[in-house]
């Protein structure tokens, strides 16, 4: 793994650990945000490792298409992309996240990270 890619991957793993910690602390909205961040950084790690230029976007669907992610994971990317704005801004229309929503986001992020780890 390339050094720059490794630093992105390590941050993705750290963000995923943070998401699980926040879930255990019942901070579901923040948990979901860190799930999105973990997925985004893992996709960028793979992109960098393949020698592609780093693209500073938060759209996981666009990133997943650039790296040609498994079709079954594109839906996970789509769901987590909406989390980015929904969890950051008070006027986004989503003031809270349930335990079930956060757990599903953990599952989505985990599937993406596992796929990236196999393909990096």
N, C-alpha and C. Protein backbone atom coordinates (compact mmCIF):
# COMPACT_ATOMS: atom_id res chain seq x y z
N UNK A 1 0.85 -1.18 0.00
CA UNK A 1 0.00 0.00 0.00
C UNK A 1 0.90 1.24 0.00
N UNK A 2 0.56 2.21 -0.84
CA UNK A 2 1.31 3.45 -0.90
C UNK A 2 1.15 4.22 0.41
N UNK A 3 2.18 4.99 0.77
CA UNK A 3 2.17 5.71 2.05
C UNK A 3 0.99 6.68 2.17
N UNK A 4 0.72 7.46 1.13
CA UNK A 4 -0.40 8.40 1.19
C UNK A 4 -1.72 7.65 1.34
N UNK A 5 -1.81 6.55 0.64
CA UNK A 5 -3.01 5.71 0.72
C UNK A 5 -3.17 5.15 2.14
N UNK A 6 -2.05 4.72 2.72
CA UNK A 6 -2.08 4.16 4.07
C UNK A 6 -2.62 5.17 5.08
N UNK A 7 -2.22 6.43 4.96
CA UNK A 7 -2.69 7.42 5.93
C UNK A 7 -4.20 7.64 5.79
N UNK A 8 -4.72 7.61 4.56
CA UNK A 8 -6.17 7.72 4.36
C UNK A 8 -6.87 6.49 4.93
N UNK A 9 -6.30 5.31 4.70
CA UNK A 9 -6.90 4.08 5.21
C UNK A 9 -6.93 4.08 6.74
N UNK A 10 -5.83 4.47 7.35
CA UNK A 10 -5.77 4.49 8.81
C UNK A 10 -6.78 5.48 9.39
N UNK A 11 -6.98 6.61 8.72
CA UNK A 11 -7.98 7.57 9.19
C UNK A 11 -9.38 7.00 9.03
N UNK A 12 -9.60 6.25 7.94
CA UNK A 12 -10.90 5.60 7.74
C UNK A 12 -11.18 4.62 8.88
N UNK A 13 -10.18 3.83 9.23
CA UNK A 13 -10.35 2.87 10.34
C UNK A 13 -10.61 3.60 11.66
N UNK A 14 -9.89 4.69 11.88
CA UNK A 14 -10.08 5.47 13.10
C UNK A 14 -11.49 6.07 13.15
N UNK A 15 -11.96 6.59 12.03
CA UNK A 15 -13.31 7.15 11.98
C UNK A 15 -14.36 6.07 12.23
N UNK A 16 -14.11 4.87 11.72
CA UNK A 16 -15.06 3.78 11.94
C UNK A 16 -15.08 3.37 13.41
N UNK A 17 -13.91 3.32 14.04
CA UNK A 17 -13.85 3.05 15.48
C UNK A 17 -14.59 4.13 16.27
N UNK A 18 -14.43 5.37 15.85
CA UNK A 18 -15.14 6.48 16.50
C UNK A 18 -16.64 6.32 16.36
N UNK A 19 -17.09 5.91 15.17
CA UNK A 19 -18.52 5.70 14.94
C UNK A 19 -19.07 4.66 15.91
N UNK A 20 -18.35 3.57 16.09
CA UNK A 20 -18.82 2.51 17.01
C UNK A 20 -18.83 3.01 18.45
N UNK A 21 -17.84 3.80 18.82
CA UNK A 21 -17.78 4.37 20.16
C UNK A 21 -18.98 5.29 20.39
N UNK A 22 -19.28 6.13 19.41
CA UNK A 22 -20.42 7.04 19.51
C UNK A 22 -21.74 6.28 19.56
N UNK A 23 -21.83 5.18 18.84
CA UNK A 23 -23.04 4.35 18.88
C UNK A 23 -23.24 3.82 20.29
N UNK A 24 -22.18 3.30 20.88
CA UNK A 24 -22.27 2.78 22.26
C UNK A 24 -22.67 3.88 23.25
N UNK A 25 -22.28 5.12 22.95
CA UNK A 25 -22.63 6.26 23.80
C UNK A 25 -23.97 6.89 23.44
N UNK A 26 -24.71 6.25 22.55
CA UNK A 26 -26.05 6.70 22.12
C UNK A 26 -26.03 8.06 21.42
N UNK A 27 -24.94 8.36 20.77
CA UNK A 27 -24.80 9.59 19.97
C UNK A 27 -24.99 9.18 18.50
N UNK A 28 -26.22 8.89 18.14
CA UNK A 28 -26.51 8.23 16.87
C UNK A 28 -26.26 9.12 15.66
N UNK A 29 -26.57 10.38 15.75
CA UNK A 29 -26.35 11.29 14.62
C UNK A 29 -24.85 11.41 14.33
N UNK A 30 -24.06 11.60 15.35
CA UNK A 30 -22.60 11.70 15.19
C UNK A 30 -22.03 10.37 14.72
N UNK A 31 -22.58 9.28 15.21
CA UNK A 31 -22.16 7.95 14.76
C UNK A 31 -22.32 7.83 13.25
N UNK A 32 -23.48 8.22 12.75
CA UNK A 32 -23.75 8.12 11.32
C UNK A 32 -22.80 9.00 10.51
N UNK A 33 -22.51 10.19 11.03
CA UNK A 33 -21.56 11.07 10.34
C UNK A 33 -20.20 10.40 10.21
N UNK A 34 -19.72 9.79 11.28
CA UNK A 34 -18.41 9.14 11.23
C UNK A 34 -18.43 7.88 10.35
N UNK A 35 -19.58 7.26 10.21
CA UNK A 35 -19.70 6.14 9.26
C UNK A 35 -19.49 6.64 7.84
N UNK A 36 -20.11 7.77 7.52
CA UNK A 36 -19.93 8.36 6.19
C UNK A 36 -18.47 8.73 5.98
N UNK A 37 -17.86 9.33 6.98
CA UNK A 37 -16.46 9.73 6.86
C UNK A 37 -15.54 8.53 6.66
N UNK A 38 -15.80 7.47 7.39
CA UNK A 38 -14.98 6.26 7.25
C UNK A 38 -15.09 5.69 5.84
N UNK A 39 -16.30 5.62 5.34
CA UNK A 39 -16.50 5.10 3.98
C UNK A 39 -15.81 6.00 2.96
N UNK A 40 -16.00 7.29 3.09
CA UNK A 40 -15.38 8.24 2.14
C UNK A 40 -13.87 8.11 2.13
N UNK A 41 -13.26 8.08 3.29
CA UNK A 41 -11.80 8.02 3.37
C UNK A 41 -11.27 6.68 2.88
N UNK A 42 -12.03 5.61 3.10
CA UNK A 42 -11.57 4.31 2.59
C UNK A 42 -11.61 4.29 1.06
N UNK A 43 -12.66 4.85 0.47
CA UNK A 43 -12.75 4.91 -0.99
C UNK A 43 -11.62 5.77 -1.56
N UNK A 44 -11.31 6.86 -0.90
CA UNK A 44 -10.22 7.72 -1.35
C UNK A 44 -8.87 7.02 -1.20
N UNK A 45 -8.72 6.22 -0.16
CA UNK A 45 -7.48 5.46 0.02
C UNK A 45 -7.26 4.52 -1.17
N UNK A 46 -8.32 3.85 -1.59
CA UNK A 46 -8.21 2.94 -2.73
C UNK A 46 -7.92 3.70 -4.01
N UNK A 47 -8.58 4.81 -4.20
CA UNK A 47 -8.36 5.65 -5.38
C UNK A 47 -6.89 6.08 -5.46
N UNK A 48 -6.36 6.55 -4.35
CA UNK A 48 -4.96 6.98 -4.29
C UNK A 48 -4.03 5.80 -4.53
N UNK A 49 -4.34 4.67 -3.93
CA UNK A 49 -3.49 3.49 -4.09
C UNK A 49 -3.42 3.02 -5.54
N UNK A 50 -4.47 3.29 -6.28
CA UNK A 50 -4.49 2.92 -7.70
C UNK A 50 -3.80 3.95 -8.58
N UNK A 51 -3.25 4.98 -7.95
CA UNK A 51 -2.52 5.99 -8.70
C UNK A 51 -3.38 7.10 -9.27
N UNK A 52 -4.63 7.15 -8.84
CA UNK A 52 -5.54 8.19 -9.32
C UNK A 52 -5.35 9.46 -8.49
N UNK A 53 -5.75 10.57 -9.06
CA UNK A 53 -5.67 11.85 -8.37
C UNK A 53 -6.76 11.92 -7.30
N UNK A 54 -6.41 12.45 -6.14
CA UNK A 54 -7.39 12.62 -5.07
C UNK A 54 -8.42 13.66 -5.48
N UNK A 55 -9.67 13.29 -5.38
CA UNK A 55 -10.76 14.19 -5.72
C UNK A 55 -11.42 14.61 -4.41
N UNK A 56 -11.50 15.90 -4.18
CA UNK A 56 -12.06 16.40 -2.92
C UNK A 56 -13.57 16.59 -3.06
N UNK A 57 -14.26 15.48 -3.00
CA UNK A 57 -15.72 15.46 -3.01
C UNK A 57 -16.19 14.58 -1.88
N UNK A 58 -17.47 14.70 -1.54
CA UNK A 58 -18.04 13.88 -0.47
C UNK A 58 -19.10 12.93 -1.00
N UNK A 59 -19.27 12.90 -2.29
CA UNK A 59 -20.28 12.05 -2.93
C UNK A 59 -19.72 10.64 -3.09
N UNK A 60 -20.17 9.75 -2.23
CA UNK A 60 -19.65 8.38 -2.23
C UNK A 60 -20.04 7.62 -3.49
N UNK A 61 -21.16 7.97 -4.09
CA UNK A 61 -21.57 7.30 -5.33
C UNK A 61 -20.57 7.63 -6.44
N UNK A 62 -20.20 8.89 -6.57
CA UNK A 62 -19.21 9.26 -7.58
C UNK A 62 -17.88 8.58 -7.32
N UNK A 63 -17.45 8.57 -6.07
CA UNK A 63 -16.20 7.89 -5.73
C UNK A 63 -16.28 6.40 -6.02
N UNK A 64 -17.41 5.80 -5.68
CA UNK A 64 -17.56 4.35 -5.89
C UNK A 64 -17.53 4.00 -7.37
N UNK A 65 -18.06 4.88 -8.20
CA UNK A 65 -18.04 4.63 -9.65
C UNK A 65 -16.63 4.78 -10.21
N UNK A 66 -15.86 5.70 -9.66
CA UNK A 66 -14.47 5.87 -10.10
C UNK A 66 -13.64 4.62 -9.82
N UNK A 67 -13.91 3.99 -8.70
CA UNK A 67 -13.12 2.80 -8.35
C UNK A 67 -13.81 1.51 -8.76
N UNK A 68 -15.00 1.65 -9.35
CA UNK A 68 -15.77 0.50 -9.83
C UNK A 68 -16.08 -0.48 -8.69
N UNK A 69 -16.74 0.05 -7.68
CA UNK A 69 -17.12 -0.76 -6.53
C UNK A 69 -18.17 -1.79 -6.95
N UNK A 70 -18.26 -2.83 -6.20
CA UNK A 70 -19.27 -3.87 -6.41
C UNK A 70 -20.66 -3.23 -6.46
N UNK A 71 -21.48 -3.66 -7.41
CA UNK A 71 -22.82 -3.07 -7.58
C UNK A 71 -23.64 -3.11 -6.30
N UNK A 72 -23.53 -4.18 -5.55
CA UNK A 72 -24.33 -4.33 -4.34
C UNK A 72 -23.99 -3.27 -3.28
N UNK A 73 -22.81 -2.68 -3.37
CA UNK A 73 -22.38 -1.68 -2.39
C UNK A 73 -22.72 -0.26 -2.81
N UNK A 74 -23.11 -0.07 -4.06
CA UNK A 74 -23.42 1.28 -4.51
C UNK A 74 -24.61 1.87 -3.75
N UNK A 75 -25.57 1.02 -3.39
CA UNK A 75 -26.71 1.50 -2.59
C UNK A 75 -26.24 1.98 -1.22
N UNK A 76 -25.31 1.25 -0.62
CA UNK A 76 -24.74 1.69 0.66
C UNK A 76 -24.09 3.06 0.51
N UNK A 77 -23.37 3.24 -0.58
CA UNK A 77 -22.72 4.54 -0.84
C UNK A 77 -23.76 5.64 -0.99
N UNK A 78 -24.84 5.34 -1.68
CA UNK A 78 -25.90 6.33 -1.88
C UNK A 78 -26.51 6.74 -0.53
N UNK A 79 -26.81 5.75 0.30
CA UNK A 79 -27.42 6.04 1.61
C UNK A 79 -26.47 6.86 2.49
N UNK A 80 -25.20 6.50 2.49
CA UNK A 80 -24.24 7.22 3.34
C UNK A 80 -23.94 8.62 2.81
N UNK A 81 -24.07 8.84 1.52
CA UNK A 81 -23.84 10.18 0.97
C UNK A 81 -24.82 11.18 1.56
N UNK A 82 -26.07 10.78 1.73
CA UNK A 82 -27.07 11.70 2.29
C UNK A 82 -26.76 12.04 3.74
N UNK A 83 -26.09 11.15 4.42
CA UNK A 83 -25.74 11.36 5.83
C UNK A 83 -24.82 12.56 5.99
N UNK A 84 -23.97 12.79 5.00
CA UNK A 84 -22.98 13.87 5.11
C UNK A 84 -23.64 15.21 5.43
N UNK A 85 -24.65 15.60 4.67
CA UNK A 85 -25.30 16.89 4.93
C UNK A 85 -26.36 16.78 6.02
N UNK A 86 -27.06 15.65 6.07
CA UNK A 86 -28.12 15.49 7.07
C UNK A 86 -27.61 15.60 8.50
N UNK A 87 -26.39 15.18 8.73
CA UNK A 87 -25.86 15.18 10.10
C UNK A 87 -25.09 16.44 10.45
N UNK A 88 -24.77 17.25 9.47
CA UNK A 88 -23.92 18.41 9.73
C UNK A 88 -24.67 19.71 9.89
N UNK A 89 -25.85 19.81 9.32
CA UNK A 89 -26.53 21.09 9.29
C UNK A 89 -27.89 20.99 9.96
N UNK A 90 -28.20 21.93 10.86
CA UNK A 90 -29.46 21.85 11.61
C UNK A 90 -30.69 22.04 10.74
N UNK A 91 -30.55 22.66 9.59
CA UNK A 91 -31.71 22.89 8.73
C UNK A 91 -31.85 21.84 7.62
N UNK A 92 -31.18 20.72 7.80
CA UNK A 92 -31.19 19.69 6.76
C UNK A 92 -32.48 18.88 6.73
N UNK A 93 -33.30 19.04 7.74
CA UNK A 93 -34.56 18.29 7.79
C UNK A 93 -34.48 17.03 8.62
N UNK A 94 -33.32 16.72 9.13
CA UNK A 94 -33.16 15.52 9.94
C UNK A 94 -32.48 15.90 11.25
N UNK A 95 -33.28 16.14 12.27
CA UNK A 95 -32.72 16.62 13.53
C UNK A 95 -32.15 15.51 14.41
N UNK A 96 -32.59 14.29 14.18
CA UNK A 96 -32.07 13.19 15.00
C UNK A 96 -32.00 11.91 14.18
N UNK A 97 -31.21 11.01 14.67
CA UNK A 97 -31.06 9.69 14.05
C UNK A 97 -31.41 8.66 15.11
N UNK A 98 -32.12 7.65 14.71
CA UNK A 98 -32.49 6.59 15.65
C UNK A 98 -31.35 5.59 15.79
N UNK A 99 -31.46 4.78 16.81
CA UNK A 99 -30.50 3.71 17.03
C UNK A 99 -30.47 2.79 15.82
N UNK A 100 -31.63 2.49 15.26
CA UNK A 100 -31.72 1.59 14.11
C UNK A 100 -31.04 2.19 12.88
N UNK A 101 -31.26 3.49 12.65
CA UNK A 101 -30.61 4.15 11.51
C UNK A 101 -29.09 4.14 11.66
N UNK A 102 -28.63 4.44 12.86
CA UNK A 102 -27.19 4.46 13.10
C UNK A 102 -26.59 3.06 12.94
N UNK A 103 -27.29 2.05 13.42
CA UNK A 103 -26.80 0.68 13.28
C UNK A 103 -26.70 0.29 11.81
N UNK A 104 -27.68 0.68 11.02
CA UNK A 104 -27.63 0.38 9.59
C UNK A 104 -26.47 1.12 8.92
N UNK A 105 -26.20 2.34 9.36
CA UNK A 105 -25.06 3.07 8.81
C UNK A 105 -23.74 2.40 9.18
N UNK A 106 -23.66 1.87 10.39
CA UNK A 106 -22.46 1.10 10.77
C UNK A 106 -22.31 -0.10 9.85
N UNK A 107 -23.40 -0.81 9.60
CA UNK A 107 -23.34 -1.97 8.71
C UNK A 107 -22.92 -1.57 7.29
N UNK A 108 -23.46 -0.46 6.80
CA UNK A 108 -23.10 0.02 5.46
C UNK A 108 -21.61 0.34 5.39
N UNK A 109 -21.13 1.10 6.35
CA UNK A 109 -19.72 1.49 6.36
C UNK A 109 -18.83 0.26 6.47
N UNK A 110 -19.23 -0.68 7.30
CA UNK A 110 -18.42 -1.89 7.48
C UNK A 110 -18.31 -2.67 6.18
N UNK A 111 -19.41 -2.80 5.44
CA UNK A 111 -19.37 -3.51 4.16
C UNK A 111 -18.43 -2.82 3.17
N UNK A 112 -18.49 -1.50 3.15
CA UNK A 112 -17.62 -0.74 2.24
C UNK A 112 -16.16 -0.90 2.64
N UNK A 113 -15.86 -0.73 3.92
CA UNK A 113 -14.48 -0.87 4.38
C UNK A 113 -13.94 -2.27 4.12
N UNK A 114 -14.75 -3.28 4.33
CA UNK A 114 -14.30 -4.65 4.07
C UNK A 114 -13.98 -4.85 2.59
N UNK A 115 -14.82 -4.30 1.71
CA UNK A 115 -14.58 -4.43 0.27
C UNK A 115 -13.29 -3.70 -0.12
N UNK A 116 -13.13 -2.48 0.40
CA UNK A 116 -11.92 -1.71 0.08
C UNK A 116 -10.69 -2.45 0.57
N UNK A 117 -10.74 -2.98 1.78
CA UNK A 117 -9.58 -3.68 2.33
C UNK A 117 -9.17 -4.87 1.45
N UNK A 118 -10.14 -5.55 0.89
CA UNK A 118 -9.84 -6.69 -0.01
C UNK A 118 -9.24 -6.23 -1.33
N UNK A 119 -9.54 -5.00 -1.73
CA UNK A 119 -9.17 -4.53 -3.06
C UNK A 119 -8.05 -3.50 -3.09
N UNK A 120 -7.53 -3.17 -1.93
CA UNK A 120 -6.51 -2.11 -1.89
C UNK A 120 -5.11 -2.66 -2.20
